[in-house]
Amino acid sequence: MRRSMSRLPELAERIDRLLLRHEELARTNALLEGQLQAMTAERDSLKSRLGAARARIDALLDRLPVEKAAPGTDE
């Protein structure tokens, strides 16, 4: 019994360190989740802009005059 009583301060210190580490990891996790949300939003925005740019390019290509191939060419 005396031996287990002498370990209580050591165990209490370890528990305190674990709690501090848990709080630190929880804060880090919250920061990372925020960064992930920001990056996901940026990716979605860039994908949308890319789609719009592709649509504009396709519209411009559709407006180009069609050239007839010269006789004797493979086109």
N, C-alpha and C. Protein backbone atom coordinates (compact mmCIF):
# COMPACT_ATOMS: atom_id res chain seq x y z
N MET A 1 0.83 -1.20 0.00
CA MET A 1 0.00 0.00 0.00
C MET A 1 0.87 1.25 0.00
N ARG A 2 1.94 1.23 0.81
CA ARG A 2 2.81 2.40 0.89
C ARG A 2 3.48 2.66 -0.46
N ARG A 3 3.84 1.60 -1.16
CA ARG A 3 4.50 1.75 -2.46
C ARG A 3 3.56 2.42 -3.46
N SER A 4 2.29 2.03 -3.49
CA SER A 4 1.35 2.63 -4.42
C SER A 4 1.07 4.08 -4.04
N MET A 5 1.09 4.41 -2.77
CA MET A 5 0.88 5.80 -2.34
C MET A 5 2.05 6.68 -2.78
N SER A 6 3.25 6.12 -2.81
CA SER A 6 4.41 6.91 -3.20
C SER A 6 4.40 7.19 -4.70
N ARG A 7 3.66 6.40 -5.46
CA ARG A 7 3.60 6.60 -6.92
C ARG A 7 2.52 7.59 -7.32
N LEU A 8 1.65 7.96 -6.39
CA LEU A 8 0.55 8.86 -6.75
C LEU A 8 1.03 10.19 -7.33
N PRO A 9 2.02 10.86 -6.73
CA PRO A 9 2.48 12.13 -7.33
C PRO A 9 3.02 11.94 -8.75
N GLU A 10 3.73 10.85 -8.97
CA GLU A 10 4.26 10.56 -10.31
C GLU A 10 3.12 10.34 -11.30
N LEU A 11 2.13 9.57 -10.90
CA LEU A 11 0.99 9.33 -11.77
C LEU A 11 0.20 10.62 -12.03
N ALA A 12 0.05 11.43 -11.01
CA ALA A 12 -0.67 12.70 -11.17
C ALA A 12 0.08 13.60 -12.16
N GLU A 13 1.41 13.61 -12.08
CA GLU A 13 2.21 14.43 -13.01
C GLU A 13 2.06 13.91 -14.44
N ARG A 14 2.08 12.60 -14.59
CA ARG A 14 1.92 12.02 -15.92
C ARG A 14 0.54 12.34 -16.49
N ILE A 15 -0.47 12.28 -15.65
CA ILE A 15 -1.83 12.61 -16.10
C ILE A 15 -1.90 14.07 -16.51
N ASP A 16 -1.28 14.95 -15.74
CA ASP A 16 -1.26 16.38 -16.10
C ASP A 16 -0.59 16.58 -17.44
N ARG A 17 0.54 15.90 -17.66
CA ARG A 17 1.25 16.04 -18.94
C ARG A 17 0.39 15.50 -20.09
N LEU A 18 -0.30 14.39 -19.86
CA LEU A 18 -1.18 13.85 -20.90
C LEU A 18 -2.32 14.81 -21.23
N LEU A 19 -2.88 15.43 -20.21
CA LEU A 19 -3.96 16.39 -20.44
C LEU A 19 -3.46 17.59 -21.24
N LEU A 20 -2.27 18.09 -20.89
CA LEU A 20 -1.70 19.21 -21.65
C LEU A 20 -1.44 18.81 -23.10
N ARG A 21 -0.91 17.62 -23.28
CA ARG A 21 -0.63 17.13 -24.64
C ARG A 21 -1.93 16.99 -25.42
N HIS A 22 -2.96 16.48 -24.78
CA HIS A 22 -4.26 16.34 -25.43
C HIS A 22 -4.79 17.70 -25.86
N GLU A 23 -4.71 18.69 -24.99
CA GLU A 23 -5.19 20.04 -25.33
C GLU A 23 -4.39 20.61 -26.49
N GLU A 24 -3.08 20.38 -26.48
CA GLU A 24 -2.22 20.87 -27.56
C GLU A 24 -2.60 20.21 -28.88
N LEU A 25 -2.81 18.91 -28.85
CA LEU A 25 -3.20 18.20 -30.07
C LEU A 25 -4.58 18.62 -30.56
N ALA A 26 -5.48 18.88 -29.63
CA ALA A 26 -6.82 19.34 -30.02
C ALA A 26 -6.74 20.70 -30.72
N ARG A 27 -5.91 21.60 -30.19
CA ARG A 27 -5.73 22.92 -30.84
C ARG A 27 -5.10 22.75 -32.23
N THR A 28 -4.08 21.91 -32.32
CA THR A 28 -3.43 21.67 -33.61
C THR A 28 -4.43 21.08 -34.60
N ASN A 29 -5.23 20.14 -34.14
CA ASN A 29 -6.23 19.52 -35.00
C ASN A 29 -7.24 20.56 -35.51
N ALA A 30 -7.67 21.44 -34.62
CA ALA A 30 -8.63 22.48 -35.03
C ALA A 30 -8.00 23.40 -36.08
N LEU A 31 -6.73 23.76 -35.89
CA LEU A 31 -6.05 24.59 -36.89
C LEU A 31 -5.94 23.87 -38.23
N LEU A 32 -5.59 22.60 -38.18
CA LEU A 32 -5.47 21.83 -39.42
C LEU A 32 -6.82 21.68 -40.12
N GLU A 33 -7.88 21.49 -39.35
CA GLU A 33 -9.20 21.40 -39.96
C GLU A 33 -9.58 22.71 -40.64
N GLY A 34 -9.24 23.83 -40.02
CA GLY A 34 -9.49 25.13 -40.64
C GLY A 34 -8.72 25.29 -41.94
N GLN A 35 -7.45 24.88 -41.92
CA GLN A 35 -6.64 24.96 -43.13
C GLN A 35 -7.20 24.05 -44.22
N LEU A 36 -7.64 22.87 -43.84
CA LEU A 36 -8.22 21.95 -44.81
C LEU A 36 -9.47 22.54 -45.44
N GLN A 37 -10.32 23.15 -44.63
CA GLN A 37 -11.53 23.77 -45.17
C GLN A 37 -11.18 24.90 -46.13
N ALA A 38 -10.17 25.71 -45.77
CA ALA A 38 -9.76 26.82 -46.64
C ALA A 38 -9.20 26.28 -47.96
N MET A 39 -8.38 25.24 -47.88
CA MET A 39 -7.79 24.68 -49.10
C MET A 39 -8.86 24.02 -49.96
N THR A 40 -9.82 23.37 -49.34
CA THR A 40 -10.91 22.75 -50.10
C THR A 40 -11.73 23.82 -50.81
N ALA A 41 -12.01 24.91 -50.12
CA ALA A 41 -12.77 26.00 -50.75
C ALA A 41 -11.97 26.61 -51.91
N GLU A 42 -10.66 26.78 -51.71
CA GLU A 42 -9.83 27.34 -52.78
C GLU A 42 -9.79 26.39 -53.98
N ARG A 43 -9.66 25.08 -53.71
CA ARG A 43 -9.65 24.11 -54.79
C ARG A 43 -10.96 24.15 -55.57
N ASP A 44 -12.07 24.20 -54.85
CA ASP A 44 -13.37 24.24 -55.52
C ASP A 44 -13.52 25.50 -56.37
N SER A 45 -13.02 26.62 -55.83
CA SER A 45 -13.07 27.87 -56.59
C SER A 45 -12.22 27.78 -57.85
N LEU A 46 -11.03 27.22 -57.72
CA LEU A 46 -10.15 27.08 -58.88
C LEU A 46 -10.75 26.13 -59.92
N LYS A 47 -11.37 25.05 -59.48
CA LYS A 47 -12.02 24.14 -60.42
C LYS A 47 -13.15 24.84 -61.15
N SER A 48 -13.89 25.66 -60.45
CA SER A 48 -14.99 26.40 -61.08
C SER A 48 -14.45 27.40 -62.11
N ARG A 49 -13.39 28.10 -61.72
CA ARG A 49 -12.79 29.06 -62.65
C ARG A 49 -12.23 28.36 -63.88
N LEU A 50 -11.62 27.18 -63.67
CA LEU A 50 -11.09 26.42 -64.78
C LEU A 50 -12.21 26.00 -65.73
N GLY A 51 -13.31 25.55 -65.17
CA GLY A 51 -14.45 25.15 -66.01
C GLY A 51 -14.98 26.33 -66.81
N ALA A 52 -15.06 27.50 -66.17
CA ALA A 52 -15.54 28.69 -66.88
C ALA A 52 -14.57 29.09 -67.99
N ALA A 53 -13.26 29.00 -67.72
CA ALA A 53 -12.26 29.34 -68.73
C ALA A 53 -12.34 28.37 -69.91
N ARG A 54 -12.53 27.09 -69.61
CA ARG A 54 -12.67 26.10 -70.69
C ARG A 54 -13.90 26.40 -71.54
N ALA A 55 -14.98 26.78 -70.89
CA ALA A 55 -16.21 27.10 -71.63
C ALA A 55 -15.98 28.31 -72.53
N ARG A 56 -15.26 29.32 -72.03
CA ARG A 56 -14.97 30.51 -72.86
C ARG A 56 -14.09 30.14 -74.04
N ILE A 57 -13.09 29.29 -73.81
CA ILE A 57 -12.21 28.87 -74.90
C ILE A 57 -13.00 28.08 -75.93
N ASP A 58 -13.85 27.17 -75.47
CA ASP A 58 -14.68 26.40 -76.41
C ASP A 58 -15.57 27.32 -77.24
N ALA A 59 -16.14 28.36 -76.59
CA ALA A 59 -16.99 29.31 -77.31
C ALA A 59 -16.18 30.07 -78.36
N LEU A 60 -14.96 30.47 -77.99
CA LEU A 60 -14.10 31.16 -78.95
C LEU A 60 -13.72 30.24 -80.11
N LEU A 61 -13.42 28.99 -79.80
CA LEU A 61 -13.06 28.05 -80.87
C LEU A 61 -14.24 27.83 -81.82
N ASP A 62 -15.44 27.79 -81.27
CA ASP A 62 -16.63 27.62 -82.11
C ASP A 62 -16.84 28.80 -83.04
N ARG A 63 -16.35 29.97 -82.66
CA ARG A 63 -16.53 31.18 -83.49
C ARG A 63 -15.48 31.30 -84.59
N LEU A 64 -14.40 30.52 -84.50
CA LEU A 64 -13.36 30.60 -85.53
C LEU A 64 -13.91 30.06 -86.85
N PRO A 65 -13.51 30.69 -87.94
CA PRO A 65 -13.97 30.18 -89.25
C PRO A 65 -13.32 28.83 -89.54
N VAL A 66 -14.07 27.99 -90.20
CA VAL A 66 -13.59 26.66 -90.58
C VAL A 66 -12.85 26.81 -91.89
N GLU A 67 -11.59 26.36 -91.93
CA GLU A 67 -10.81 26.44 -93.16
C GLU A 67 -10.95 25.13 -93.92
N LYS A 68 -11.13 25.28 -95.20
CA LYS A 68 -11.20 24.08 -96.04
C LYS A 68 -9.76 23.66 -96.35
N ALA A 69 -9.56 22.37 -96.35
CA ALA A 69 -8.21 21.84 -96.64
C ALA A 69 -7.89 22.06 -98.10
N ALA A 70 -6.66 22.39 -98.36
CA ALA A 70 -6.22 22.58 -99.75
C ALA A 70 -6.15 21.22 -100.43
N PRO A 71 -6.46 21.19 -101.72
CA PRO A 71 -6.41 19.89 -102.44
C PRO A 71 -5.00 19.30 -102.34
N GLY A 72 -4.95 18.00 -102.14
CA GLY A 72 -3.67 17.31 -102.09
C GLY A 72 -3.07 17.25 -100.68
N THR A 73 -3.76 17.78 -99.68
CA THR A 73 -3.24 17.67 -98.30
C THR A 73 -4.03 16.61 -97.58
N ASP A 74 -3.49 16.14 -96.50
CA ASP A 74 -4.14 15.10 -95.72
C ASP A 74 -5.28 15.62 -94.86
N GLU A 75 -5.42 16.88 -94.74
CA GLU A 75 -6.45 17.44 -93.86
C GLU A 75 -7.77 17.56 -94.55
